[in-house]
């Protein structure tokens, strides 16, 4: 007992449908592989997080906090700075983040 049709025209129709379906699946596999490859390349080529951040207030005018790089509390308005810039900001009374403690990490304690 075969689940396939017995006559040639219907077998050819089924064959065509299967070929088209297989082509669609192969294209989707190639697209998924390309996306995974791009994601891996992007992760590999991503620049490292800055060691120090200064979070700016609304409008980008006054600094709000100094953070250790990678601090989970650093807002979207944070920008990477050098160690010296972070120390200078703390000396100029920009508060250090209470979560990551950049003042202790930089050796600048009140």
PDB file of N, CA and C in Angstrom:
ATOM      1  N   UNK A   1       0.827  -1.177   0.000  1.00  0.00           N
ATOM      2  CA  UNK A   1       0.000   0.000   0.000  1.00  0.00           C
ATOM      3  C   UNK A   1       0.879   1.252   0.000  1.00  0.00           C
ATOM      4  N   UNK A   2       0.773   2.042  -1.003  1.00  0.00           N
ATOM      5  CA  UNK A   2       1.538   3.269  -1.125  1.00  0.00           C
ATOM      6  C   UNK A   2       0.629   4.462  -0.897  1.00  0.00           C
ATOM      7  N   UNK A   3       1.171   5.474  -0.265  1.00  0.00           N
ATOM      8  CA  UNK A   3       0.423   6.710  -0.047  1.00  0.00           C
ATOM      9  C   UNK A   3       0.520   7.627  -1.259  1.00  0.00           C
ATOM     10  N   UNK A   4       1.288   7.253  -2.223  1.00  0.00           N
ATOM     11  CA  UNK A   4       1.475   8.065  -3.418  1.00  0.00           C
ATOM     12  C   UNK A   4       0.396   7.744  -4.451  1.00  0.00           C
ATOM     13  N   UNK A   5       0.067   8.743  -5.272  1.00  0.00           N
ATOM     14  CA  UNK A   5      -0.926   8.474  -6.321  1.00  0.00           C
ATOM     15  C   UNK A   5      -0.378   7.458  -7.325  1.00  0.00           C
ATOM     16  N   UNK A   6      -1.249   6.698  -7.966  1.00  0.00           N
ATOM     17  CA  UNK A   6      -0.781   5.646  -8.864  1.00  0.00           C
ATOM     18  C   UNK A   6      -0.437   6.128 -10.268  1.00  0.00           C
ATOM     19  N   UNK A   7      -0.964   7.289 -10.674  1.00  0.00           N
ATOM     20  CA  UNK A   7      -0.770   7.681 -12.074  1.00  0.00           C
ATOM     21  C   UNK A   7       0.342   8.727 -12.220  1.00  0.00           C
ATOM     22  N   UNK A   8       0.945   8.730 -13.385  1.00  0.00           N
ATOM     23  CA  UNK A   8       2.086   9.589 -13.696  1.00  0.00           C
ATOM     24  C   UNK A   8       1.775  11.087 -13.599  1.00  0.00           C
ATOM     25  N   UNK A   9       0.685  11.608 -14.115  1.00  0.00           N
ATOM     26  CA  UNK A   9       0.439  13.052 -14.016  1.00  0.00           C
ATOM     27  C   UNK A   9       0.393  13.554 -12.569  1.00  0.00           C
ATOM     28  N   UNK A  10      -0.266  12.806 -11.715  1.00  0.00           N
ATOM     29  CA  UNK A  10      -0.321  13.248 -10.313  1.00  0.00           C
ATOM     30  C   UNK A  10       1.037  13.076  -9.624  1.00  0.00           C
ATOM     31  N   UNK A  11       1.788  12.056  -9.982  1.00  0.00           N
ATOM     32  CA  UNK A  11       3.139  11.905  -9.433  1.00  0.00           C
ATOM     33  C   UNK A  11       4.039  13.064  -9.852  1.00  0.00           C
ATOM     34  N   UNK A  12       3.928  13.494 -11.128  1.00  0.00           N
ATOM     35  CA  UNK A  12       4.717  14.644 -11.607  1.00  0.00           C
ATOM     36  C   UNK A  12       4.304  15.924 -10.879  1.00  0.00           C
ATOM     37  N   UNK A  13       3.032  16.103 -10.648  1.00  0.00           N
ATOM     38  CA  UNK A  13       2.545  17.278  -9.908  1.00  0.00           C
ATOM     39  C   UNK A  13       3.098  17.274  -8.487  1.00  0.00           C
ATOM     40  N   UNK A  14       3.043  16.120  -7.853  1.00  0.00           N
ATOM     41  CA  UNK A  14       3.585  15.989  -6.506  1.00  0.00           C
ATOM     42  C   UNK A  14       5.086  16.267  -6.489  1.00  0.00           C
ATOM     43  N   UNK A  15       5.789  15.764  -7.488  1.00  0.00           N
ATOM     44  CA  UNK A  15       7.231  15.998  -7.590  1.00  0.00           C
ATOM     45  C   UNK A  15       7.527  17.494  -7.706  1.00  0.00           C
ATOM     46  N   UNK A  16       6.787  18.183  -8.557  1.00  0.00           N
ATOM     47  CA  UNK A  16       6.978  19.629  -8.733  1.00  0.00           C
ATOM     48  C   UNK A  16       6.750  20.361  -7.417  1.00  0.00           C
ATOM     49  N   UNK A  17       5.687  20.008  -6.735  1.00  0.00           N
ATOM     50  CA  UNK A  17       5.385  20.653  -5.464  1.00  0.00           C
ATOM     51  C   UNK A  17       6.491  20.408  -4.442  1.00  0.00           C
ATOM     52  N   UNK A  18       6.985  19.182  -4.379  1.00  0.00           N
ATOM     53  CA  UNK A  18       8.058  18.857  -3.434  1.00  0.00           C
ATOM     54  C   UNK A  18       9.350  19.599  -3.764  1.00  0.00           C
ATOM     55  N   UNK A  19       9.683  19.713  -5.045  1.00  0.00           N
ATOM     56  CA  UNK A  19      10.888  20.443  -5.459  1.00  0.00           C
ATOM     57  C   UNK A  19      10.766  21.910  -5.058  1.00  0.00           C
ATOM     58  N   UNK A  20       9.613  22.510  -5.331  1.00  0.00           N
ATOM     59  CA  UNK A  20       9.407  23.916  -4.955  1.00  0.00           C
ATOM     60  C   UNK A  20       9.475  24.107  -3.441  1.00  0.00           C
ATOM     61  N   UNK A  21       8.888  23.182  -2.699  1.00  0.00           N
ATOM     62  CA  UNK A  21       8.934  23.252  -1.236  1.00  0.00           C
ATOM     63  C   UNK A  21      10.367  23.112  -0.732  1.00  0.00           C
ATOM     64  N   UNK A  22      11.108  22.179  -1.298  1.00  0.00           N
ATOM     65  CA  UNK A  22      12.494  21.986  -0.899  1.00  0.00           C
ATOM     66  C   UNK A  22      13.332  23.222  -1.210  1.00  0.00           C
ATOM     67  N   UNK A  23      13.088  23.858  -2.343  1.00  0.00           N
ATOM     68  CA  UNK A  23      13.805  25.092  -2.686  1.00  0.00           C
ATOM     69  C   UNK A  23      13.518  26.188  -1.656  1.00  0.00           C
ATOM     70  N   UNK A  24      12.255  26.321  -1.263  1.00  0.00           N
ATOM     71  CA  UNK A  24      11.897  27.334  -0.255  1.00  0.00           C
ATOM     72  C   UNK A  24      12.600  27.060   1.069  1.00  0.00           C
ATOM     73  N   UNK A  25      12.634  25.804   1.477  1.00  0.00           N
ATOM     74  CA  UNK A  25      13.295  25.425   2.728  1.00  0.00           C
ATOM     75  C   UNK A  25      14.795  25.706   2.637  1.00  0.00           C
ATOM     76  N   UNK A  26      15.403  25.375   1.518  1.00  0.00           N
ATOM     77  CA  UNK A  26      16.844  25.619   1.362  1.00  0.00           C
ATOM     78  C   UNK A  26      17.168  27.111   1.368  1.00  0.00           C
ATOM     79  N   UNK A  27      16.308  27.928   0.746  1.00  0.00           N
ATOM     80  CA  UNK A  27      16.526  29.382   0.784  1.00  0.00           C
ATOM     81  C   UNK A  27      16.412  29.912   2.213  1.00  0.00           C
ATOM     82  N   UNK A  28      15.451  29.392   2.958  1.00  0.00           N
ATOM     83  CA  UNK A  28      15.275  29.830   4.348  1.00  0.00           C
ATOM     84  C   UNK A  28      16.456  29.400   5.206  1.00  0.00           C
ATOM     85  N   UNK A  29      16.978  28.196   4.974  1.00  0.00           N
ATOM     86  CA  UNK A  29      18.171  27.730   5.698  1.00  0.00           C
ATOM     87  C   UNK A  29      19.356  28.639   5.384  1.00  0.00           C
ATOM     88  N   UNK A  30      19.559  28.975   4.111  1.00  0.00           N
ATOM     89  CA  UNK A  30      20.671  29.852   3.721  1.00  0.00           C
ATOM     90  C   UNK A  30      20.526  31.218   4.378  1.00  0.00           C
ATOM     91  N   UNK A  31      19.312  31.755   4.434  1.00  0.00           N
ATOM     92  CA  UNK A  31      19.076  33.053   5.076  1.00  0.00           C
ATOM     93  C   UNK A  31      19.375  32.976   6.572  1.00  0.00           C
ATOM     94  N   UNK A  32      18.944  31.920   7.233  1.00  0.00           N
ATOM     95  CA  UNK A  32      19.207  31.760   8.670  1.00  0.00           C
ATOM     96  C   UNK A  32      20.707  31.634   8.933  1.00  0.00           C
ATOM     97  N   UNK A  33      21.412  30.899   8.077  1.00  0.00           N
ATOM     98  CA  UNK A  33      22.865  30.765   8.239  1.00  0.00           C
ATOM     99  C   UNK A  33      23.560  32.106   8.035  1.00  0.00           C
ATOM    100  N   UNK A  34      23.100  32.886   7.050  1.00  0.00           N
ATOM    101  CA  UNK A  34      23.686  34.198   6.805  1.00  0.00           C
ATOM    102  C   UNK A  34      23.472  35.123   8.012  1.00  0.00           C
ATOM    103  N   UNK A  35      22.266  35.108   8.580  1.00  0.00           N
ATOM    104  CA  UNK A  35      21.976  35.948   9.740  1.00  0.00           C
ATOM    105  C   UNK A  35      22.838  35.548  10.937  1.00  0.00           C
ATOM    106  N   UNK A  36      22.980  34.246  11.174  1.00  0.00           N
ATOM    107  CA  UNK A  36      23.827  33.793  12.277  1.00  0.00           C
ATOM    108  C   UNK A  36      25.276  34.200  12.065  1.00  0.00           C
ATOM    109  N   UNK A  37      25.740  34.093  10.836  1.00  0.00           N
ATOM    110  CA  UNK A  37      27.115  34.481  10.521  1.00  0.00           C
ATOM    111  C   UNK A  37      27.329  35.974  10.758  1.00  0.00           C
ATOM    112  N   UNK A  38      26.383  36.796  10.310  1.00  0.00           N
ATOM    113  CA  UNK A  38      26.483  38.240  10.529  1.00  0.00           C
ATOM    114  C   UNK A  38      26.456  38.576  12.013  1.00  0.00           C
ATOM    115  N   UNK A  39      25.625  37.892  12.775  1.00  0.00           N
ATOM    116  CA  UNK A  39      25.548  38.151  14.209  1.00  0.00           C
ATOM    117  C   UNK A  39      26.865  37.800  14.895  1.00  0.00           C
ATOM    118  N   UNK A  40      27.444  36.641  14.546  1.00  0.00           N
ATOM    119  CA  UNK A  40      28.738  36.252  15.130  1.00  0.00           C
ATOM    120  C   UNK A  40      29.825  37.250  14.762  1.00  0.00           C
ATOM    121  N   UNK A  41      29.843  37.679  13.487  1.00  0.00           N
ATOM    122  CA  UNK A  41      30.855  38.649  13.044  1.00  0.00           C
ATOM    123  C   UNK A  41      30.673  39.973  13.773  1.00  0.00           C
ATOM    124  N   UNK A  42      29.414  40.411  13.934  1.00  0.00           N
ATOM    125  CA  UNK A  42      29.146  41.656  14.646  1.00  0.00           C
ATOM    126  C   UNK A  42      29.589  41.604  16.099  1.00  0.00           C
ATOM    127  N   UNK A  43      29.341  40.477  16.747  1.00  0.00           N
ATOM    128  CA  UNK A  43      29.764  40.330  18.137  1.00  0.00           C
ATOM    129  C   UNK A  43      31.281  40.317  18.257  1.00  0.00           C
ATOM    130  N   UNK A  44      31.943  39.686  17.286  1.00  0.00           N
ATOM    131  CA  UNK A  44      33.403  39.605  17.315  1.00  0.00           C
ATOM    132  C   UNK A  44      34.043  40.967  17.054  1.00  0.00           C
ATOM    133  N   UNK A  45      33.426  41.770  16.162  1.00  0.00           N
ATOM    134  CA  UNK A  45      34.012  43.047  15.762  1.00  0.00           C
ATOM    135  C   UNK A  45      33.523  44.224  16.601  1.00  0.00           C
ATOM    136  N   UNK A  46      32.616  43.969  17.554  1.00  0.00           N
ATOM    137  CA  UNK A  46      32.099  45.050  18.390  1.00  0.00           C
ATOM    138  C   UNK A  46      33.232  45.652  19.217  1.00  0.00           C
ATOM    139  N   UNK A  47      33.325  46.966  19.253  1.00  0.00           N
ATOM    140  CA  UNK A  47      34.384  47.571  20.064  1.00  0.00           C
ATOM    141  C   UNK A  47      34.125  47.297  21.547  1.00  0.00           C
ATOM    142  N   UNK A  48      35.176  47.249  22.346  1.00  0.00           N
ATOM    143  CA  UNK A  48      34.981  46.980  23.768  1.00  0.00           C
ATOM    144  C   UNK A  48      34.246  48.132  24.451  1.00  0.00           C
ATOM    145  N   UNK A  49      33.573  47.811  25.544  1.00  0.00           N
ATOM    146  CA  UNK A  49      32.913  48.853  26.327  1.00  0.00           C
ATOM    147  C   UNK A  49      33.972  49.788  26.886  1.00  0.00           C
ATOM    148  N   UNK A  50      33.655  51.079  26.995  1.00  0.00           N
ATOM    149  CA  UNK A  50      34.624  51.999  27.602  1.00  0.00           C
ATOM    150  C   UNK A  50      34.794  51.667  29.084  1.00  0.00           C
ATOM    151  N   UNK A  51      35.958  52.010  29.623  1.00  0.00           N
ATOM    152  CA  UNK A  51      36.229  51.726  31.032  1.00  0.00           C
ATOM    153  C   UNK A  51      35.471  52.673  31.960  1.00  0.00           C
ATOM    154  N   UNK A  52      35.176  53.878  31.470  1.00  0.00           N
ATOM    155  CA  UNK A  52      34.526  54.893  32.304  1.00  0.00           C
ATOM    156  C   UNK A  52      33.456  55.603  31.486  1.00  0.00           C
ATOM    157  N   UNK A  53      32.387  56.005  32.150  1.00  0.00           N
ATOM    158  CA  UNK A  53      31.278  56.692  31.488  1.00  0.00           C
ATOM    159  C   UNK A  53      30.899  57.929  32.277  1.00  0.00           C
ATOM    160  N   UNK A  54      30.459  58.945  31.562  1.00  0.00           N
ATOM    161  CA  UNK A  54      29.816  60.094  32.202  1.00  0.00           C
ATOM    162  C   UNK A  54      28.420  60.183  31.631  1.00  0.00           C
ATOM    163  N   UNK A  55      27.442  60.151  32.531  1.00  0.00           N
ATOM    164  CA  UNK A  55      26.045  60.243  32.135  1.00  0.00           C
ATOM    165  C   UNK A  55      25.627  61.708  32.161  1.00  0.00           C
ATOM    166  N   UNK A  56      25.097  62.175  31.038  1.00  0.00           N
ATOM    167  CA  UNK A  56      24.687  63.571  30.922  1.00  0.00           C
ATOM    168  C   UNK A  56      23.206  63.707  31.253  1.00  0.00           C
ATOM    169  N   UNK A  57      22.829  64.894  31.714  1.00  0.00           N
ATOM    170  CA  UNK A  57      21.431  65.173  32.026  1.00  0.00           C
ATOM    171  C   UNK A  57      20.630  65.438  30.761  1.00  0.00           C
ATOM    172  N   UNK A  58      19.369  65.735  30.955  1.00  0.00           N
ATOM    173  CA  UNK A  58      18.507  66.054  29.816  1.00  0.00           C
ATOM    174  C   UNK A  58      19.078  67.236  29.056  1.00  0.00           C
ATOM    175  N   UNK A  59      19.054  67.166  27.777  1.00  0.00           N
ATOM    176  CA  UNK A  59      19.620  68.233  26.955  1.00  0.00           C
ATOM    177  C   UNK A  59      21.120  68.089  26.771  1.00  0.00           C
ATOM    178  N   UNK A  60      21.750  67.145  27.467  1.00  0.00           N
ATOM    179  CA  UNK A  60      23.177  66.892  27.301  1.00  0.00           C
ATOM    180  C   UNK A  60      24.087  67.975  27.827  1.00  0.00           C
ATOM    181  N   UNK A  61      23.604  68.782  28.759  1.00  0.00           N
ATOM    182  CA  UNK A  61      24.419  69.913  29.223  1.00  0.00           C
ATOM    183  C   UNK A  61      25.262  69.584  30.439  1.00  0.00           C
ATOM    184  N   UNK A  62      24.632  69.215  31.530  1.00  0.00           N
ATOM    185  CA  UNK A  62      25.377  69.003  32.777  1.00  0.00           C
ATOM    186  C   UNK A  62      25.542  67.507  33.051  1.00  0.00           C
ATOM    187  N   UNK A  63      26.735  67.097  33.484  1.00  0.00           N
ATOM    188  CA  UNK A  63      26.930  65.695  33.849  1.00  0.00           C
ATOM    189  C   UNK A  63      26.120  65.345  35.095  1.00  0.00           C
ATOM    190  N   UNK A  64      25.556  64.141  35.119  1.00  0.00           N
ATOM    191  CA  UNK A  64      24.730  63.704  36.236  1.00  0.00           C
ATOM    192  C   UNK A  64      25.481  62.710  37.108  1.00  0.00           C
ATOM    193  N   UNK A  65      26.134  61.722  36.485  1.00  0.00           N
ATOM    194  CA  UNK A  65      26.871  60.693  37.218  1.00  0.00           C
ATOM    195  C   UNK A  65      28.117  60.282  36.457  1.00  0.00           C
ATOM    196  N   UNK A  66      29.084  59.801  37.220  1.00  0.00           N
ATOM    197  CA  UNK A  66      30.239  59.111  36.652  1.00  0.00           C
ATOM    198  C   UNK A  66      30.012  57.624  36.942  1.00  0.00           C
ATOM    199  N   UNK A  67      30.239  56.778  35.933  1.00  0.00           N
ATOM    200  CA  UNK A  67      30.037  55.334  36.072  1.00  0.00           C
ATOM    201  C   UNK A  67      31.304  54.582  35.686  1.00  0.00           C
ATOM    202  N   UNK A  68      31.448  53.389  36.255  1.00  0.00           N
ATOM    203  CA  UNK A  68      32.430  52.426  35.769  1.00  0.00           C
ATOM    204  C   UNK A  68      31.844  51.859  34.478  1.00  0.00           C
ATOM    205  N   UNK A  69      32.662  51.651  33.467  1.00  0.00           N
ATOM    206  CA  UNK A  69      32.164  51.101  32.201  1.00  0.00           C
ATOM    207  C   UNK A  69      31.408  49.801  32.409  1.00  0.00           C
ATOM    208  N   UNK A  70      30.297  49.656  31.706  1.00  0.00           N
ATOM    209  CA  UNK A  70      29.482  48.458  31.833  1.00  0.00           C
ATOM    210  C   UNK A  70      28.492  48.501  32.984  1.00  0.00           C
ATOM    211  N   UNK A  71      28.408  49.613  33.703  1.00  0.00           N
ATOM    212  CA  UNK A  71      27.456  49.730  34.812  1.00  0.00           C
ATOM    213  C   UNK A  71      26.038  49.575  34.274  1.00  0.00           C
ATOM    214  N   UNK A  72      25.265  48.732  34.921  1.00  0.00           N
ATOM    215  CA  UNK A  72      23.895  48.489  34.457  1.00  0.00           C
ATOM    216  C   UNK A  72      22.977  49.683  34.693  1.00  0.00           C
ATOM    217  N   UNK A  73      23.397  50.627  35.500  1.00  0.00           N
ATOM    218  CA  UNK A  73      22.563  51.798  35.783  1.00  0.00           C
ATOM    219  C   UNK A  73      22.880  52.983  34.868  1.00  0.00           C
ATOM    220  N   UNK A  74      23.908  52.875  34.047  1.00  0.00           N
ATOM    221  CA  UNK A  74      24.261  53.971  33.136  1.00  0.00           C
ATOM    222  C   UNK A  74      23.138  54.158  32.133  1.00  0.00           C
ATOM    223  N   UNK A  75      22.690  55.389  31.984  1.00  0.00           N
ATOM    224  CA  UNK A  75      21.585  55.682  31.076  1.00  0.00           C
ATOM    225  C   UNK A  75      22.028  55.787  29.630  1.00  0.00           C
ATOM    226  N   UNK A  76      21.054  56.027  28.770  1.00  0.00           N
ATOM    227  CA  UNK A  76      21.316  56.134  27.337  1.00  0.00           C
ATOM    228  C   UNK A  76      22.131  57.375  26.986  1.00  0.00           C
ATOM    229  N   UNK A  77      22.134  58.351  27.852  1.00  0.00           N
ATOM    230  CA  UNK A  77      22.872  59.585  27.571  1.00  0.00           C
ATOM    231  C   UNK A  77      24.304  59.517  28.110  1.00  0.00           C
ATOM    232  N   UNK A  78      24.816  58.305  28.310  1.00  0.00           N
ATOM    233  CA  UNK A  78      26.182  58.128  28.805  1.00  0.00           C
ATOM    234  C   UNK A  78      27.155  58.080  27.641  1.00  0.00           C
ATOM    235  N   UNK A  79      28.335  58.601  27.888  1.00  0.00           N
ATOM    236  CA  UNK A  79      29.375  58.566  26.863  1.00  0.00           C
ATOM    237  C   UNK A  79      30.680  58.099  27.489  1.00  0.00           C
ATOM    238  N   UNK A  80      31.453  57.373  26.714  1.00  0.00           N
ATOM    239  CA  UNK A  80      32.729  56.869  27.196  1.00  0.00           C
ATOM    240  C   UNK A  80      33.734  57.995  27.373  1.00  0.00           C
ATOM    241  N   UNK A  81      34.507  57.920  28.453  1.00  0.00           N
ATOM    242  CA  UNK A  81      35.542  58.918  28.727  1.00  0.00           C
ATOM    243  C   UNK A  81      36.805  58.201  29.199  1.00  0.00           C
ATOM    244  N   UNK A  82      37.892  58.937  29.227  1.00  0.00           N
ATOM    245  CA  UNK A  82      39.157  58.383  29.717  1.00  0.00           C
ATOM    246  C   UNK A  82      39.145  58.358  31.244  1.00  0.00           C
ATOM    247  N   UNK A  83      40.096  57.646  31.781  1.00  0.00           N
ATOM    248  CA  UNK A  83      40.242  57.583  33.249  1.00  0.00           C
ATOM    249  C   UNK A  83      40.446  58.981  33.822  1.00  0.00           C
ATOM    250  N   UNK A  84      41.273  59.760  33.170  1.00  0.00           N
ATOM    251  CA  UNK A  84      41.555  61.121  33.660  1.00  0.00           C
ATOM    252  C   UNK A  84      40.301  61.997  33.616  1.00  0.00           C
ATOM    253  N   UNK A  85      39.515  61.888  32.563  1.00  0.00           N
ATOM    254  CA  UNK A  85      38.282  62.672  32.475  1.00  0.00           C
ATOM    255  C   UNK A  85      37.299  62.261  33.571  1.00  0.00           C
ATOM    256  N   UNK A  86      37.218  60.978  33.860  1.00  0.00           N
ATOM    257  CA  UNK A  86      36.331  60.512  34.927  1.00  0.00           C
ATOM    258  C   UNK A  86      36.802  61.036  36.277  1.00  0.00           C
ATOM    259  N   UNK A  87      38.108  60.980  36.539  1.00  0.00           N
ATOM    260  CA  UNK A  87      38.657  61.513  37.807  1.00  0.00           C
ATOM    261  C   UNK A  87      38.392  63.010  37.925  1.00  0.00           C
ATOM    262  N   UNK A  88      38.613  63.737  36.844  1.00  0.00           N
ATOM    263  CA  UNK A  88      38.391  65.184  36.857  1.00  0.00           C
ATOM    264  C   UNK A  88      36.922  65.503  37.154  1.00  0.00           C
ATOM    265  N   UNK A  89      36.000  64.737  36.557  1.00  0.00           N
ATOM    266  CA  UNK A  89      34.568  64.971  36.805  1.00  0.00           C
ATOM    267  C   UNK A  89      34.242  64.742  38.276  1.00  0.00           C
ATOM    268  N   UNK A  90      34.807  63.699  38.871  1.00  0.00           N
ATOM    269  CA  UNK A  90      34.564  63.465  40.300  1.00  0.00           C
ATOM    270  C   UNK A  90      35.138  64.594  41.147  1.00  0.00           C
ATOM    271  N   UNK A  91      36.324  65.095  40.795  1.00  0.00           N
ATOM    272  CA  UNK A  91      36.919  66.206  41.527  1.00  0.00           C
ATOM    273  C   UNK A  91      36.073  67.478  41.387  1.00  0.00           C
ATOM    274  N   UNK A  92      35.390  67.592  40.247  1.00  0.00           N
ATOM    275  CA  UNK A  92      34.544  68.760  40.012  1.00  0.00           C
ATOM    276  C   UNK A  92      33.131  68.558  40.556  1.00  0.00           C
ATOM    277  N   UNK A  93      32.974  67.627  41.464  1.00  0.00           N
ATOM    278  CA  UNK A  93      31.726  67.375  42.187  1.00  0.00           C
ATOM    279  C   UNK A  93      30.621  66.724  41.375  1.00  0.00           C
ATOM    280  N   UNK A  94      30.943  66.045  40.274  1.00  0.00           N
ATOM    281  CA  UNK A  94      29.940  65.212  39.604  1.00  0.00           C
ATOM    282  C   UNK A  94      29.843  63.952  40.449  1.00  0.00           C
ATOM    283  N   UNK A  95      28.653  63.596  40.918  1.00  0.00           N
ATOM    284  CA  UNK A  95      28.558  62.431  41.809  1.00  0.00           C
ATOM    285  C   UNK A  95      28.895  61.131  41.095  1.00  0.00           C
ATOM    286  N   UNK A  96      29.486  60.230  41.854  1.00  0.00           N
ATOM    287  CA  UNK A  96      29.725  58.889  41.342  1.00  0.00           C
ATOM    288  C   UNK A  96      28.473  58.055  41.497  1.00  0.00           C
ATOM    289  N   UNK A  97      28.267  57.141  40.609  1.00  0.00           N
ATOM    290  CA  UNK A  97      27.107  56.257  40.658  1.00  0.00           C
ATOM    291  C   UNK A  97      27.148  55.458  41.961  1.00  0.00           C
ATOM    292  N   UNK A  98      26.049  55.426  42.711  1.00  0.00           N
ATOM    293  CA  UNK A  98      26.047  54.662  43.960  1.00  0.00           C
ATOM    294  C   UNK A  98      26.051  53.148  43.745  1.00  0.00           C
ATOM    295  N   UNK A  99      25.791  52.691  42.517  1.00  0.00           N
ATOM    296  CA  UNK A  99      25.748  51.255  42.253  1.00  0.00           C
ATOM    297  C   UNK A  99      27.113  50.695  41.883  1.00  0.00           C
ATOM    298  N   UNK A 100      27.865  51.411  41.061  1.00  0.00           N
ATOM    299  CA  UNK A 100      29.144  50.854  40.588  1.00  0.00           C
ATOM    300  C   UNK A 100      30.349  51.445  41.307  1.00  0.00           C
ATOM    301  N   UNK A 101      30.178  52.546  42.026  1.00  0.00           N
ATOM    302  CA  UNK A 101      31.258  53.109  42.836  1.00  0.00           C
ATOM    303  C   UNK A 101      32.511  53.517  42.089  1.00  0.00           C
ATOM    304  N   UNK A 102      32.410  54.408  41.111  1.00  0.00           N
ATOM    305  CA  UNK A 102      33.621  54.782  40.366  1.00  0.00           C
ATOM    306  C   UNK A 102      34.613  55.567  41.216  1.00  0.00           C
ATOM    307  N   UNK A 103      34.141  56.273  42.241  1.00  0.00           N
ATOM    308  CA  UNK A 103      35.049  57.040  43.089  1.00  0.00           C
ATOM    309  C   UNK A 103      36.030  56.113  43.802  1.00  0.00           C
ATOM    310  N   UNK A 104      35.567  54.964  44.280  1.00  0.00           N
ATOM    311  CA  UNK A 104      36.457  54.006  44.917  1.00  0.00           C
ATOM    312  C   UNK A 104      37.392  53.374  43.884  1.00  0.00           C
ATOM    313  N   UNK A 105      36.842  53.029  42.726  1.00  0.00           N
ATOM    314  CA  UNK A 105      37.656  52.401  41.688  1.00  0.00           C
ATOM    315  C   UNK A 105      38.753  53.334  41.175  1.00  0.00           C
ATOM    316  N   UNK A 106      38.464  54.636  41.187  1.00  0.00           N
ATOM    317  CA  UNK A 106      39.441  55.616  40.707  1.00  0.00           C
ATOM    318  C   UNK A 106      40.322  56.162  41.837  1.00  0.00           C
ATOM    319  N   UNK A 107      40.022  55.790  43.056  1.00  0.00           N
ATOM    320  CA  UNK A 107      40.801  56.299  44.189  1.00  0.00           C
ATOM    321  C   UNK A 107      40.494  57.734  44.532  1.00  0.00           C
ATOM    322  N   UNK A 108      39.282  58.188  44.209  1.00  0.00           N
ATOM    323  CA  UNK A 108      38.879  59.571  44.493  1.00  0.00           C
ATOM    324  C   UNK A 108      37.743  59.508  45.503  1.00  0.00           C
ATOM    325  N   UNK A 109      38.057  59.511  46.786  1.00  0.00           N
ATOM    326  CA  UNK A 109      37.046  59.458  47.834  1.00  0.00           C
ATOM    327  C   UNK A 109      37.049  60.755  48.619  1.00  0.00           C
ATOM    328  N   UNK A 110      35.861  61.169  49.033  1.00  0.00           N
ATOM    329  CA  UNK A 110      35.768  62.401  49.845  1.00  0.00           C
ATOM    330  C   UNK A 110      36.349  62.192  51.217  1.00  0.00           C
TER     331      UNK A 110
END
